[in-house]
Amino acid sequence: MGERFTVVEVLRRQTDSRGDHPLLVCDDDRLSYADAERRSAKLARGIVALGAGKGTHVGLLYPNGADLVIGTLAAARIGAVVVPFSTFATAPELREQLIHSDVAILLAANSYRSNDFRQRITDVRDDAPLLRHVLLNREPDDACDERQLHALEADVEGCDPLSIIYTSGSTGTPKGVVHTHAALLEHQRNLNAIRGLTADDKLFCNSPFFWIGGFAFGLLATLVAGATLVCSNATDAADTLDLLEAERPTVTNGFVTGIAHLARHRSIHTRNLSSMRRGNLYPIMAPEVRPADPELRHNMLGMTEAGSVVLLSGDESDQPEHRRGSFGKPAPGFEARVDEDGELCIRGPYVMAGYYKHSREECFDADGWFPTGDLVRVDADGFYYFLGRRSSLIKTAGANVAPAEVEKAIARVTGATAHVFGIPDRDRGQAVVAVLATDADIDEAALRHELKRELSAYKIPRRIVAIPPADIPLRSSGKVDMQRLAAVLDG
């Protein structure tokens, strides 16, 4: 990997060649490459005056927008380690991550929507002994001179840590994943080539920039390409649709559930969204490029430990029926193997440097393989198919059941989203059960009969419960809280 492939080098190169070109458009925020260079340099001088330097951990607590982008660039250009925190985090979660991450300087918004960050930080600050400075909606004095800033920038190398990104914690306590400058930037350059993201593109991304999808596959990918990143924090779908019509993004990426309110808006059929012709946010893309069946388009598998996407395909056309549910193939730079239990293992230069405060032996095996926890299968043509998480694998009567397979079968039969998991069973070890997110009444016996055409008998849920979608319990990350969902069966 390139010794000088760093965030500041990429930012300077883009500023020199296209300084007036927009880097970010987020609602009313407009940030050109030249603006980003100038404002991040000013903030960098300010945090240097507070004692920041190479290796200092700088925390960011902002929603998507210019503040988060400028904070990221400012910290990265002096060799500080960027630690973005989730705006979804509860007070206990924020406290735990502030302490664990050893953040010395925290840049944060006063509040966001219903979250009072000022009070939340006040409540936990005394528990974080290394946290020396908290700046809420303000920048420090610009007291460092240009020579000192340039000296710090010149000392940053590609092998230096760029970020600690916390996992969403959907299957356990969030872990701090360490990535270097060169690993993240080179990986995004390779991914850009596959998905065709160029300097002429505008990328609409609805993934939070504090998680790896938004941070790397969104923000850093845009920076590497010299493209424009479009995002929105608007609560009114009409405002976001206005933005999309005005900015005309060409590529989309993110999570489909996050744009459901846009697709349902009463004005959606009168909107000109024809510019969006590539990506995965199908419900709001140009009608002629939407798939008739999304399961016949390659999906992508990403993870924090892999620096964003690890399985994908550049082919955005409908696939043959035998390739239904494909997640493509490993991205360049990744070796992949499937162990005897079906778990995907990866290694290569773009895999994380490790978990913060964990030994290498706790992260990788003796040969450098990282066990992802994802269960997959591979077809004869080398295409991968996601079957679920190892931790969620249901062991029933001596057989293994992947919840994702059962969930997809139920969706095909009912059209409803299902959450499948195992519960203790005296005779079988675990019993397969399903909770359907639907307002409709479910005839359990009829549904199980229908599923016999889709699944082996041992995979068919022994209990099926339907509850309204609004009653599905969620974690602070926005993902389903499976422990609380299981309690529905006891209610």
Protein backbone atom coordinates (compact mmCIF):
# COMPACT_ATOMS: atom_id res chain seq x y z
CA MET A 1 0.00 0.00 0.00
CA GLY A 2 1.18 3.52 -0.76
CA GLU A 3 3.19 5.11 2.04
CA ARG A 4 1.81 8.56 1.20
CA PHE A 5 -1.76 7.55 0.41
CA THR A 6 -3.36 9.63 3.15
CA VAL A 7 -6.51 11.69 3.54
CA VAL A 8 -4.67 15.01 3.37
CA GLU A 9 -2.82 14.01 0.19
CA VAL A 10 -6.09 13.02 -1.50
CA LEU A 11 -7.82 16.22 -0.32
CA ARG A 12 -4.99 18.41 -1.64
CA ARG A 13 -4.95 16.63 -4.97
CA GLN A 14 -8.69 17.08 -5.43
CA THR A 15 -8.55 20.71 -4.29
CA ASP A 16 -5.76 21.49 -6.75
CA SER A 17 -7.64 19.94 -9.67
CA ARG A 18 -11.27 20.77 -8.85
CA GLY A 19 -11.38 23.17 -5.92
CA ASP A 20 -14.72 24.74 -6.88
CA HIS A 21 -16.40 21.37 -7.37
CA PRO A 22 -18.87 20.44 -4.60
CA LEU A 23 -17.70 17.73 -2.22
CA LEU A 24 -20.86 17.72 -0.09
CA VAL A 25 -24.46 18.80 -0.49
CA CYS A 26 -26.52 18.07 2.62
CA ASP A 27 -29.82 19.97 2.72
CA ASP A 28 -28.71 23.63 3.04
CA ASP A 29 -25.03 22.74 3.56
CA ARG A 30 -22.79 23.27 0.54
CA LEU A 31 -19.12 22.38 0.77
CA SER A 32 -16.68 22.59 -2.15
CA TYR A 33 -13.31 20.83 -2.13
CA ALA A 34 -11.61 24.20 -1.60
CA ASP A 35 -13.99 24.99 1.28
CA ALA A 36 -13.24 21.60 2.84
CA GLU A 37 -9.49 22.14 2.54
CA ARG A 38 -9.61 25.65 4.01
CA ARG A 39 -12.05 24.91 6.84
CA SER A 40 -10.43 21.63 7.86
CA ALA A 41 -6.99 23.32 7.94
CA LYS A 42 -8.39 26.03 10.24
CA LEU A 43 -9.99 23.46 12.55
CA ALA A 44 -6.82 21.36 12.49
CA ARG A 45 -4.78 24.36 13.68
CA GLY A 46 -7.29 24.87 16.47
CA ILE A 47 -7.17 21.31 17.78
CA VAL A 48 -3.36 21.32 17.51
CA ALA A 49 -3.42 24.36 19.81
CA LEU A 50 -5.40 22.20 22.25
CA GLY A 51 -2.64 19.61 22.21
CA ALA A 52 -3.73 17.31 19.39
CA GLY A 53 -1.15 15.66 17.22
CA LYS A 54 -0.30 12.37 15.61
CA GLY A 55 -2.12 9.57 17.41
CA THR A 56 -4.49 11.78 19.42
CA HIS A 57 -8.00 10.35 19.47
CA VAL A 58 -10.53 12.95 18.30
CA GLY A 59 -14.19 12.10 18.78
CA LEU A 60 -17.01 13.40 16.56
CA LEU A 61 -20.67 13.41 17.55
CA TYR A 62 -22.60 14.90 14.63
CA PRO A 63 -25.32 13.87 12.22
CA ASN A 64 -24.42 13.66 8.53
CA GLY A 65 -23.29 17.04 7.28
CA ALA A 66 -20.47 19.53 6.90
CA ASP A 67 -19.46 19.51 10.58
CA LEU A 68 -18.78 15.78 10.53
CA VAL A 69 -16.90 16.02 7.23
CA ILE A 70 -14.74 18.96 8.36
CA GLY A 71 -14.02 17.30 11.70
CA THR A 72 -12.97 14.10 9.97
CA LEU A 73 -10.65 15.89 7.54
CA ALA A 74 -9.16 18.12 10.25
CA ALA A 75 -8.26 15.24 12.53
CA ALA A 76 -7.04 13.00 9.72
CA ARG A 77 -4.72 15.61 8.19
CA ILE A 78 -2.63 15.90 11.39
CA GLY A 79 -2.45 12.15 11.97
CA ALA A 80 -5.04 12.14 14.75
CA VAL A 81 -7.38 9.16 14.92
CA VAL A 82 -11.00 9.89 13.97
CA VAL A 83 -13.57 8.33 16.30
CA PRO A 84 -17.13 9.04 15.10
CA PHE A 85 -19.92 8.29 17.58
CA SER A 86 -23.45 7.29 16.66
CA THR A 87 -26.19 9.86 17.11
CA PHE A 88 -28.41 6.87 17.91
CA ALA A 89 -26.29 5.93 20.94
CA THR A 90 -27.99 5.97 24.32
CA ALA A 91 -26.30 7.69 27.26
CA PRO A 92 -24.87 4.38 28.59
CA GLU A 93 -23.61 3.41 25.12
CA LEU A 94 -21.97 6.81 24.61
CA ARG A 95 -20.36 6.62 28.05
CA GLU A 96 -18.96 3.15 27.34
CA GLN A 97 -17.51 4.15 23.96
CA LEU A 98 -16.07 7.45 25.20
CA ILE A 99 -14.20 5.60 27.92
CA HIS A 100 -13.12 2.70 25.73
CA SER A 101 -11.92 4.86 22.81
CA ASP A 102 -9.58 7.08 24.89
CA VAL A 103 -10.88 10.18 23.12
CA ALA A 104 -8.98 13.30 24.23
CA ILE A 105 -10.92 15.92 22.25
CA LEU A 106 -14.62 15.67 21.45
CA LEU A 107 -16.29 17.83 18.81
CA ALA A 108 -20.07 17.62 19.00
CA ALA A 109 -23.39 19.19 18.19
CA ASN A 110 -25.45 20.56 21.09
CA SER A 111 -28.36 18.39 20.06
CA TYR A 112 -29.89 16.50 17.18
CA ARG A 113 -33.62 15.93 16.89
CA SER A 114 -34.70 14.68 20.32
CA ASN A 115 -31.16 14.00 21.57
CA ASP A 116 -29.63 16.50 24.00
CA PHE A 117 -25.93 15.82 23.49
CA ARG A 118 -24.86 18.65 25.80
CA GLN A 119 -26.59 17.06 28.77
CA ARG A 120 -25.57 13.56 27.75
CA ILE A 121 -21.89 14.53 27.55
CA THR A 122 -22.09 16.46 30.83
CA ASP A 123 -23.44 13.34 32.53
CA VAL A 124 -20.61 11.09 31.35
CA ARG A 125 -17.64 13.46 31.06
CA ASP A 126 -16.23 12.77 34.53
CA ASP A 127 -16.18 9.04 33.76
CA ALA A 128 -13.82 9.53 30.78
CA PRO A 129 -10.46 10.45 32.38
CA LEU A 130 -8.63 11.07 29.09
CA LEU A 131 -11.27 13.47 27.73
CA ARG A 132 -9.61 16.89 28.11
CA HIS A 133 -11.63 19.12 25.78
CA VAL A 134 -15.28 19.16 24.67
CA LEU A 135 -16.30 21.64 21.99
CA LEU A 136 -20.05 21.87 21.45
CA ASN A 137 -21.04 23.67 18.25
CA ARG A 138 -17.88 25.74 18.27
CA GLU A 139 -14.32 25.62 17.01
CA PRO A 140 -11.18 26.23 19.06
CA ASP A 141 -9.05 29.32 18.56
CA ASP A 142 -6.84 29.13 15.49
CA ALA A 143 -3.54 29.50 17.37
CA CYS A 144 -1.23 27.13 15.51
CA ASP A 145 0.84 28.51 12.64
CA GLU A 146 0.99 27.09 9.10
CA ARG A 147 4.49 25.70 9.51
CA GLN A 148 3.50 23.58 12.48
CA LEU A 149 0.43 22.29 10.64
CA HIS A 150 2.45 21.40 7.53
CA ALA A 151 5.05 19.60 9.66
CA LEU A 152 2.34 17.46 11.24
CA GLU A 153 0.77 16.72 7.86
CA ALA A 154 4.13 15.68 6.41
CA ASP A 155 4.54 13.14 9.19
CA VAL A 156 1.35 11.23 8.34
CA GLU A 157 1.84 7.98 6.44
CA GLY A 158 -0.50 5.50 4.85
CA CYS A 159 0.17 2.89 7.52
CA ASP A 160 -0.96 5.24 10.31
CA PRO A 161 -4.36 4.66 11.93
CA LEU A 162 -7.07 6.84 10.39
CA SER A 163 -10.13 5.81 12.37
CA ILE A 164 -11.74 3.74 15.05
CA ILE A 165 -15.23 2.87 13.82
CA TYR A 166 -17.57 1.19 16.27
CA THR A 167 -19.69 -1.67 15.03
CA SER A 168 -23.43 -1.24 15.38
CA GLY A 169 -23.56 -3.82 18.15
CA SER A 170 -26.47 -5.79 16.72
CA THR A 171 -25.00 -9.11 17.86
CA GLY A 172 -23.06 -8.03 20.98
CA THR A 173 -21.14 -5.19 22.57
CA PRO A 174 -19.89 -2.74 19.90
CA LYS A 175 -16.21 -3.15 19.08
CA GLY A 176 -13.82 -0.39 17.99
CA VAL A 177 -12.41 -1.32 14.58
CA VAL A 178 -9.08 0.26 13.64
CA HIS A 179 -8.35 1.09 9.99
CA THR A 180 -5.34 2.85 8.45
CA HIS A 181 -5.35 5.64 5.86
CA ALA A 182 -4.02 3.57 2.97
CA ALA A 183 -6.19 0.52 3.68
CA LEU A 184 -9.46 2.46 3.67
CA LEU A 185 -8.56 4.76 0.78
CA GLU A 186 -7.16 2.08 -1.53
CA HIS A 187 -10.11 -0.20 -0.81
CA GLN A 188 -12.55 2.57 -1.77
CA ARG A 189 -10.57 3.26 -4.94
CA ASN A 190 -10.98 -0.38 -5.95
CA LEU A 191 -14.68 -0.35 -5.08
CA ASN A 192 -15.19 2.87 -7.04
CA ALA A 193 -13.79 1.17 -10.14
CA ILE A 194 -16.26 -1.69 -9.76
CA ARG A 195 -19.34 0.46 -9.21
CA GLY A 196 -18.21 3.11 -11.68
CA LEU A 197 -18.10 6.06 -9.27
CA THR A 198 -16.17 8.87 -10.99
CA ALA A 199 -15.56 12.59 -10.63
CA ASP A 200 -18.61 13.23 -12.84
CA ASP A 201 -20.97 11.50 -10.41
CA LYS A 202 -23.12 12.63 -7.53
CA LEU A 203 -23.66 9.93 -4.91
CA PHE A 204 -26.84 10.01 -2.82
CA CYS A 205 -26.06 8.12 0.38
CA ASN A 206 -28.46 7.69 3.28
CA SER A 207 -26.06 5.70 5.47
CA PRO A 208 -24.85 7.49 8.62
CA PHE A 209 -21.28 8.75 8.25
CA PHE A 210 -20.45 7.45 11.75
CA TRP A 211 -20.77 3.84 10.55
CA ILE A 212 -18.49 2.25 8.00
CA GLY A 213 -20.99 2.33 5.12
CA GLY A 214 -21.32 6.10 5.24
CA PHE A 215 -17.79 6.85 6.44
CA ALA A 216 -15.91 4.76 3.89
CA PHE A 217 -18.25 3.68 1.06
CA GLY A 218 -19.86 7.13 1.15
CA LEU A 219 -17.56 9.93 2.34
CA LEU A 220 -14.08 8.51 1.63
CA ALA A 221 -15.20 6.96 -1.66
CA THR A 222 -16.50 10.36 -2.78
CA LEU A 223 -13.26 12.06 -1.77
CA VAL A 224 -11.13 9.50 -3.64
CA ALA A 225 -13.27 9.82 -6.77
CA GLY A 226 -13.48 13.61 -6.68
CA ALA A 227 -17.26 13.21 -6.83
CA THR A 228 -20.09 14.92 -4.91
CA LEU A 229 -21.80 13.38 -1.89
CA VAL A 230 -25.51 14.19 -1.44
CA CYS A 231 -27.33 13.49 1.82
CA SER A 232 -30.28 14.76 3.82
CA ASN A 233 -31.34 15.02 7.47
CA ALA A 234 -34.77 16.40 6.61
CA THR A 235 -37.69 14.89 8.51
CA ASP A 236 -40.15 15.86 5.77
CA ALA A 237 -39.91 13.50 2.79
CA ALA A 238 -40.94 16.34 0.46
CA ASP A 239 -37.81 18.30 1.42
CA THR A 240 -35.54 15.36 0.62
CA LEU A 241 -37.32 14.74 -2.68
CA ASP A 242 -36.91 18.46 -3.51
CA LEU A 243 -33.18 18.08 -2.85
CA LEU A 244 -32.91 15.01 -5.09
CA GLU A 245 -34.74 16.73 -7.92
CA ALA A 246 -32.53 19.81 -7.63
CA GLU A 247 -29.16 18.04 -7.27
CA ARG A 248 -29.87 15.12 -9.62
CA PRO A 249 -27.59 12.45 -8.11
CA THR A 250 -26.49 9.71 -10.50
CA VAL A 251 -25.62 6.92 -8.03
CA THR A 252 -27.41 5.76 -4.89
CA ASN A 253 -26.23 3.74 -1.93
CA GLY A 254 -27.47 2.96 1.54
CA PHE A 255 -30.22 1.04 3.27
CA VAL A 256 -33.54 0.68 1.50
CA THR A 257 -35.66 0.87 4.64
CA GLY A 258 -34.28 4.36 5.20
CA ILE A 259 -35.93 5.70 2.04
CA ALA A 260 -39.28 3.93 2.43
CA HIS A 261 -40.91 7.21 3.49
CA LEU A 262 -39.68 8.80 0.25
CA ALA A 263 -41.11 6.02 -1.89
CA ARG A 264 -44.47 6.30 -0.11
CA HIS A 265 -44.75 10.08 -0.40
CA ARG A 266 -47.85 11.23 -2.26
CA SER A 267 -45.74 13.27 -4.73
CA ILE A 268 -43.34 10.47 -5.68
CA HIS A 269 -45.02 9.80 -9.06
CA THR A 270 -44.74 13.46 -10.09
CA ARG A 271 -41.04 13.73 -9.24
CA ASN A 272 -38.27 13.71 -11.83
CA LEU A 273 -35.77 11.27 -10.32
CA SER A 274 -34.54 9.99 -13.67
CA SER A 275 -30.91 10.88 -12.93
CA MET A 276 -30.58 8.05 -10.38
CA ARG A 277 -29.76 5.07 -12.56
CA ARG A 278 -27.16 3.13 -10.57
CA GLY A 279 -26.96 1.84 -7.03
CA ASN A 280 -29.23 -0.03 -4.63
CA LEU A 281 -31.94 2.41 -3.48
CA TYR A 282 -34.33 0.95 -6.05
CA PRO A 283 -37.68 2.37 -4.82
CA ILE A 284 -36.63 5.94 -5.67
CA MET A 285 -34.53 5.23 -8.75
CA ALA A 286 -35.59 5.76 -12.35
CA PRO A 287 -38.46 3.32 -13.07
CA GLU A 288 -36.80 1.86 -16.14
CA VAL A 289 -33.75 0.72 -14.12
CA ARG A 290 -35.61 -0.72 -11.15
CA PRO A 291 -35.55 -4.51 -10.96
CA ALA A 292 -38.81 -6.41 -11.23
CA ASP A 293 -37.44 -8.57 -8.41
CA PRO A 294 -34.57 -7.18 -6.29
CA GLU A 295 -33.53 -10.74 -5.40
CA LEU A 296 -32.38 -11.10 -9.01
CA ARG A 297 -29.87 -8.25 -8.62
CA HIS A 298 -26.52 -8.79 -6.93
CA ASN A 299 -26.59 -7.59 -3.33
CA MET A 300 -23.53 -6.41 -1.38
CA LEU A 301 -22.08 -7.68 1.88
CA GLY A 302 -20.27 -5.10 3.95
CA MET A 303 -18.79 -5.12 7.43
CA THR A 304 -16.89 -2.68 9.58
CA GLU A 305 -13.92 -5.03 9.85
CA ALA A 306 -13.56 -5.14 6.05
CA GLY A 307 -13.56 -1.37 5.65
CA SER A 308 -17.03 -1.38 4.00
CA VAL A 309 -18.02 -3.76 1.17
CA VAL A 310 -16.33 -7.14 0.81
CA LEU A 311 -18.73 -8.99 -1.55
CA LEU A 312 -20.20 -7.26 -4.58
CA SER A 313 -20.54 -7.23 -8.37
CA GLY A 314 -20.35 -4.44 -10.91
CA ASP A 315 -23.08 -6.12 -12.98
CA GLU A 316 -26.31 -4.25 -12.18
CA SER A 317 -28.50 -6.22 -14.59
CA ASP A 318 -31.09 -8.84 -13.64
CA GLN A 319 -29.50 -12.23 -13.05
CA PRO A 320 -30.81 -15.66 -14.07
CA GLU A 321 -33.09 -17.42 -11.61
CA HIS A 322 -30.36 -19.83 -10.46
CA ARG A 323 -28.36 -16.81 -9.21
CA ARG A 324 -31.21 -15.45 -7.10
CA GLY A 325 -29.91 -13.84 -3.90
CA SER A 326 -26.29 -13.54 -5.06
CA PHE A 327 -23.93 -11.23 -3.19
CA GLY A 328 -21.34 -11.24 -5.94
CA LYS A 329 -17.69 -12.09 -5.41
CA PRO A 330 -14.88 -10.91 -3.10
CA ALA A 331 -13.62 -7.38 -3.73
CA PRO A 332 -10.07 -6.90 -5.04
CA GLY A 333 -7.46 -7.32 -2.34
CA PHE A 334 -9.45 -9.87 -0.33
CA GLU A 335 -8.84 -13.57 -0.01
CA ALA A 336 -11.91 -15.48 1.06
CA ARG A 337 -12.59 -19.02 2.18
CA VAL A 338 -15.53 -20.82 3.69
CA ASP A 339 -14.79 -23.06 6.65
CA GLU A 340 -16.41 -26.41 7.36
CA ASP A 341 -19.28 -24.77 9.23
CA GLY A 342 -20.03 -22.40 6.35
CA GLU A 343 -18.47 -19.31 7.96
CA LEU A 344 -16.86 -16.74 5.67
CA CYS A 345 -13.24 -15.99 6.57
CA ILE A 346 -11.28 -13.15 4.95
CA ARG A 347 -7.76 -11.77 4.92
CA GLY A 348 -5.80 -9.20 2.97
CA PRO A 349 -4.37 -5.68 3.16
CA TYR A 350 -7.75 -3.97 3.56
CA VAL A 351 -8.99 -6.01 6.49
CA MET A 352 -8.92 -4.05 9.74
CA ALA A 353 -5.67 -3.61 11.62
CA GLY A 354 -7.55 -5.06 14.59
CA TYR A 355 -10.01 -4.29 17.34
CA TYR A 356 -8.91 -1.47 19.60
CA LYS A 357 -7.43 -2.82 22.86
CA HIS A 358 -7.55 -6.40 21.56
CA SER A 359 -4.50 -8.51 20.77
CA ARG A 360 -3.92 -9.76 17.24
CA GLU A 361 -4.56 -13.29 18.47
CA GLU A 362 -8.03 -12.22 19.60
CA CYS A 363 -8.84 -10.93 16.10
CA PHE A 364 -7.15 -13.32 13.65
CA ASP A 365 -6.09 -16.94 13.50
CA ALA A 366 -2.48 -18.02 13.19
CA ASP A 367 -2.59 -17.66 9.39
CA GLY A 368 -4.10 -14.18 9.46
CA TRP A 369 -7.69 -15.15 8.65
CA PHE A 370 -10.51 -13.12 10.17
CA PRO A 371 -13.68 -15.16 10.90
CA THR A 372 -16.51 -12.82 9.92
CA GLY A 373 -19.36 -14.59 11.70
CA ASP A 374 -21.30 -14.58 8.41
CA LEU A 375 -22.58 -17.87 7.03
CA VAL A 376 -22.37 -18.17 3.25
CA ARG A 377 -22.39 -20.67 0.43
CA VAL A 378 -20.54 -20.45 -2.88
CA ASP A 379 -21.88 -21.73 -6.20
CA ALA A 380 -19.94 -23.39 -8.99
CA ASP A 381 -19.29 -20.02 -10.65
CA GLY A 382 -17.77 -18.50 -7.51
CA PHE A 383 -20.75 -16.34 -6.52
CA TYR A 384 -21.45 -16.00 -2.80
CA TYR A 385 -24.83 -16.22 -1.05
CA PHE A 386 -25.45 -14.89 2.45
CA LEU A 387 -27.23 -17.35 4.77
CA GLY A 388 -27.18 -15.46 8.06
CA ARG A 389 -25.00 -14.81 11.11
CA ARG A 390 -23.19 -17.67 12.80
CA SER A 391 -24.40 -16.35 16.15
CA SER A 392 -28.00 -16.56 14.92
CA LEU A 393 -27.71 -20.09 13.50
CA ILE A 394 -30.49 -22.27 14.88
CA LYS A 395 -29.56 -25.81 15.89
CA THR A 396 -32.74 -27.89 15.92
CA ALA A 397 -32.87 -31.67 16.30
CA GLY A 398 -29.26 -31.98 15.15
CA ALA A 399 -29.72 -29.82 12.04
CA ASN A 400 -28.60 -26.25 11.34
CA VAL A 401 -31.11 -23.64 10.16
CA ALA A 402 -30.06 -20.24 8.81
CA PRO A 403 -32.75 -17.68 9.75
CA ALA A 404 -32.21 -15.64 6.59
CA GLU A 405 -33.24 -18.59 4.40
CA VAL A 406 -36.51 -19.02 6.30
CA GLU A 407 -37.17 -15.26 6.34
CA LYS A 408 -36.84 -15.08 2.56
CA ALA A 409 -39.18 -18.03 2.09
CA ILE A 410 -41.82 -16.41 4.31
CA ALA A 411 -41.45 -13.13 2.42
CA ARG A 412 -42.02 -14.94 -0.89
CA VAL A 413 -45.19 -16.57 0.43
CA THR A 414 -46.69 -13.69 2.43
CA GLY A 415 -44.95 -10.52 1.25
CA ALA A 416 -44.32 -9.68 4.91
CA THR A 417 -41.01 -9.11 6.67
CA ALA A 418 -40.25 -11.97 9.04
CA HIS A 419 -37.81 -12.27 11.92
CA VAL A 420 -36.79 -15.88 12.51
CA PHE A 421 -34.85 -17.17 15.51
CA GLY A 422 -34.53 -20.12 17.82
CA ILE A 423 -35.96 -20.58 21.32
CA PRO A 424 -35.08 -23.30 23.84
CA ASP A 425 -36.94 -26.57 23.29
CA ARG A 426 -36.69 -29.59 25.58
CA ASP A 427 -36.89 -32.16 22.81
CA ARG A 428 -35.17 -30.42 19.87
CA GLY A 429 -32.59 -28.24 21.61
CA GLN A 430 -34.00 -25.21 19.80
CA ALA A 431 -37.28 -24.67 18.02
CA VAL A 432 -37.55 -22.48 14.92
CA VAL A 433 -40.03 -19.62 15.44
CA ALA A 434 -41.02 -16.57 13.39
CA VAL A 435 -42.43 -13.14 14.15
CA LEU A 436 -44.02 -11.45 11.13
CA ALA A 437 -44.17 -7.65 10.94
CA THR A 438 -47.67 -7.23 9.56
CA ASP A 439 -51.07 -5.83 10.48
CA ALA A 440 -52.76 -8.75 8.71
CA ASP A 441 -54.07 -11.86 10.45
CA ILE A 442 -51.95 -14.96 9.90
CA ASP A 443 -53.30 -18.48 9.58
CA GLU A 444 -50.40 -20.46 11.04
CA ALA A 445 -51.45 -23.82 9.71
CA ALA A 446 -52.04 -22.50 6.19
CA LEU A 447 -48.73 -20.68 6.15
CA ARG A 448 -46.82 -23.74 7.33
CA HIS A 449 -48.52 -25.75 4.58
CA GLU A 450 -47.43 -23.16 1.98
CA LEU A 451 -43.87 -23.22 3.31
CA LYS A 452 -43.59 -26.97 2.65
CA ARG A 453 -43.06 -26.07 -1.01
CA GLU A 454 -40.21 -23.74 -0.06
CA LEU A 455 -38.40 -25.38 2.85
CA SER A 456 -37.39 -28.70 4.32
CA ALA A 457 -39.68 -29.76 7.14
CA TYR A 458 -37.17 -29.06 9.92
CA LYS A 459 -36.79 -25.45 8.73
CA ILE A 460 -40.49 -24.59 8.95
CA PRO A 461 -41.25 -22.49 12.07
CA ARG A 462 -43.09 -24.37 14.80
CA ARG A 463 -44.62 -21.12 16.02
CA ILE A 464 -45.58 -18.07 13.96
CA VAL A 465 -46.74 -14.79 15.50
CA ALA A 466 -47.83 -11.62 13.69
CA ILE A 467 -47.43 -8.16 15.23
CA PRO A 468 -47.82 -4.66 13.74
CA PRO A 469 -44.61 -3.28 12.18
CA ALA A 470 -44.71 -0.30 14.57
CA ASP A 471 -44.48 -2.71 17.52
CA ILE A 472 -41.25 -4.38 16.38
CA PRO A 473 -38.70 -3.49 19.12
CA LEU A 474 -35.57 -1.73 17.88
CA ARG A 475 -32.12 -1.11 19.33
CA SER A 476 -30.60 2.38 19.35
CA SER A 477 -28.81 1.41 16.12
CA GLY A 478 -32.16 1.02 14.37
CA LYS A 479 -31.76 -2.76 14.11
CA VAL A 480 -34.25 -5.22 15.53
CA ASP A 481 -33.75 -6.08 19.21
CA MET A 482 -33.99 -9.85 18.98
CA GLN A 483 -34.03 -10.40 22.75
CA ARG A 484 -37.07 -8.19 23.22
CA LEU A 485 -38.67 -9.66 20.12
CA ALA A 486 -38.33 -13.15 21.58
CA ALA A 487 -40.26 -11.94 24.60
CA VAL A 488 -43.26 -11.39 22.29
CA LEU A 489 -43.68 -15.16 22.17
CA ASP A 490 -44.08 -15.25 25.95
CA GLY A 491 -46.59 -12.41 25.99
